[in-house]
Amino acid sequence: MYQAIVIACMIVNPQICITFEGQQWFDTEMLCKSRALKMAEDVHKYYKGYKAINYNCRALPKGHLSK
């Protein structure tokens, strides 16, 4: 299973960043990537002054819901 991860940083100070971990788990990396990109699109709507800079789909070990 895969978990979507998005990192967003402040536009005015890129040293200040937040990591968002998706609360859904996906069977394929492709579905995870689609969710990560959607999360990245929405960052600025909920966190004014932040911009998504990176995303990742973390492969979770069997039986784990988080890493």
C-alpha atoms as a PDB file:
ATOM      1  CA  MET A   1       0.000   0.000   0.000  1.00  0.00           C
ATOM      2  CA  TYR A   2       1.037   3.598  -0.577  1.00  0.00           C
ATOM      3  CA  GLN A   3       0.549   6.806   1.390  1.00  0.00           C
ATOM      4  CA  ALA A   4       0.636  10.274  -0.216  1.00  0.00           C
ATOM      5  CA  ILE A   5       3.069  12.795   1.294  1.00  0.00           C
ATOM      6  CA  VAL A   6       3.217  16.501   0.357  1.00  0.00           C
ATOM      7  CA  ILE A   7       5.739  19.080   1.566  1.00  0.00           C
ATOM      8  CA  ALA A   8       4.738  22.746   1.444  1.00  0.00           C
ATOM      9  CA  CYS A   9       6.880  25.750   2.369  1.00  0.00           C
ATOM     10  CA  MET A  10       6.143  29.381   3.038  1.00  0.00           C
ATOM     11  CA  ILE A  11       6.585  31.529  -0.054  1.00  0.00           C
ATOM     12  CA  VAL A  12       8.254  34.384   1.865  1.00  0.00           C
ATOM     13  CA  ASN A  13      10.487  32.062   3.911  1.00  0.00           C
ATOM     14  CA  PRO A  14      11.170  28.696   2.227  1.00  0.00           C
ATOM     15  CA  GLN A  15      12.959  27.480   5.379  1.00  0.00           C
ATOM     16  CA  ILE A  16       9.568  27.058   7.093  1.00  0.00           C
ATOM     17  CA  CYS A  17       7.840  23.947   5.774  1.00  0.00           C
ATOM     18  CA  ILE A  18       4.991  21.595   6.671  1.00  0.00           C
ATOM     19  CA  THR A  19       4.670  17.908   5.807  1.00  0.00           C
ATOM     20  CA  PHE A  20       1.182  16.616   5.024  1.00  0.00           C
ATOM     21  CA  GLU A  21       0.534  12.887   5.247  1.00  0.00           C
ATOM     22  CA  GLY A  22      -2.541  11.630   3.425  1.00  0.00           C
ATOM     23  CA  GLN A  23      -5.032   9.723   5.545  1.00  0.00           C
ATOM     24  CA  GLN A  24      -5.970   7.391   2.702  1.00  0.00           C
ATOM     25  CA  TRP A  25      -3.983   4.375   1.568  1.00  0.00           C
ATOM     26  CA  PHE A  26      -3.772   3.243  -2.037  1.00  0.00           C
ATOM     27  CA  ASP A  27      -3.143  -0.120  -3.618  1.00  0.00           C
ATOM     28  CA  THR A  28      -1.211   1.339  -6.551  1.00  0.00           C
ATOM     29  CA  GLU A  29       1.450   4.025  -6.790  1.00  0.00           C
ATOM     30  CA  MET A  30      -0.478   5.632  -9.663  1.00  0.00           C
ATOM     31  CA  LEU A  31      -3.583   6.210  -7.484  1.00  0.00           C
ATOM     32  CA  CYS A  32      -1.358   7.552  -4.724  1.00  0.00           C
ATOM     33  CA  LYS A  33       0.351   9.973  -7.119  1.00  0.00           C
ATOM     34  CA  SER A  34      -3.035  11.267  -8.279  1.00  0.00           C
ATOM     35  CA  ARG A  35      -4.045  11.958  -4.655  1.00  0.00           C
ATOM     36  CA  ALA A  36      -0.691  13.589  -3.835  1.00  0.00           C
ATOM     37  CA  LEU A  37      -1.046  15.966  -6.779  1.00  0.00           C
ATOM     38  CA  LYS A  38      -4.578  16.876  -5.677  1.00  0.00           C
ATOM     39  CA  MET A  39      -3.327  17.543  -2.145  1.00  0.00           C
ATOM     40  CA  ALA A  40      -0.547  19.722  -3.580  1.00  0.00           C
ATOM     41  CA  GLU A  41      -3.078  21.728  -5.618  1.00  0.00           C
ATOM     42  CA  ASP A  42      -5.141  22.436  -2.496  1.00  0.00           C
ATOM     43  CA  VAL A  43      -2.350  23.538  -0.136  1.00  0.00           C
ATOM     44  CA  HIS A  44      -2.686  27.254  -0.908  1.00  0.00           C
ATOM     45  CA  LYS A  45      -6.468  27.131  -0.314  1.00  0.00           C
ATOM     46  CA  TYR A  46      -6.071  26.049   3.303  1.00  0.00           C
ATOM     47  CA  TYR A  47      -2.611  27.418   4.130  1.00  0.00           C
ATOM     48  CA  LYS A  48      -2.319  30.942   2.762  1.00  0.00           C
ATOM     49  CA  GLY A  49       1.262  31.877   1.955  1.00  0.00           C
ATOM     50  CA  TYR A  50       2.381  28.262   1.490  1.00  0.00           C
ATOM     51  CA  LYS A  51       3.273  26.520  -1.756  1.00  0.00           C
ATOM     52  CA  ALA A  52       3.650  22.784  -2.331  1.00  0.00           C
ATOM     53  CA  ILE A  53       7.225  22.038  -3.324  1.00  0.00           C
ATOM     54  CA  ASN A  54       7.440  18.255  -3.277  1.00  0.00           C
ATOM     55  CA  TYR A  55       5.326  15.104  -3.178  1.00  0.00           C
ATOM     56  CA  ASN A  56       6.056  11.455  -2.642  1.00  0.00           C
ATOM     57  CA  CYS A  57       4.210   8.172  -2.437  1.00  0.00           C
ATOM     58  CA  ARG A  58       5.576   6.236   0.482  1.00  0.00           C
ATOM     59  CA  ALA A  59       5.409   2.454   0.200  1.00  0.00           C
ATOM     60  CA  LEU A  60       4.144   1.048   3.488  1.00  0.00           C
ATOM     61  CA  PRO A  61       5.352  -2.280   4.815  1.00  0.00           C
ATOM     62  CA  LYS A  62       2.715  -5.016   4.906  1.00  0.00           C
ATOM     63  CA  GLY A  63       0.550  -4.646   7.999  1.00  0.00           C
ATOM     64  CA  HIS A  64       1.564  -0.992   8.644  1.00  0.00           C
ATOM     65  CA  LEU A  65      -0.660   2.070   8.221  1.00  0.00           C
ATOM     66  CA  SER A  66       2.142   4.592   8.697  1.00  0.00           C
ATOM     67  CA  LYS A  67       5.904   4.660   8.676  1.00  0.00           C
END
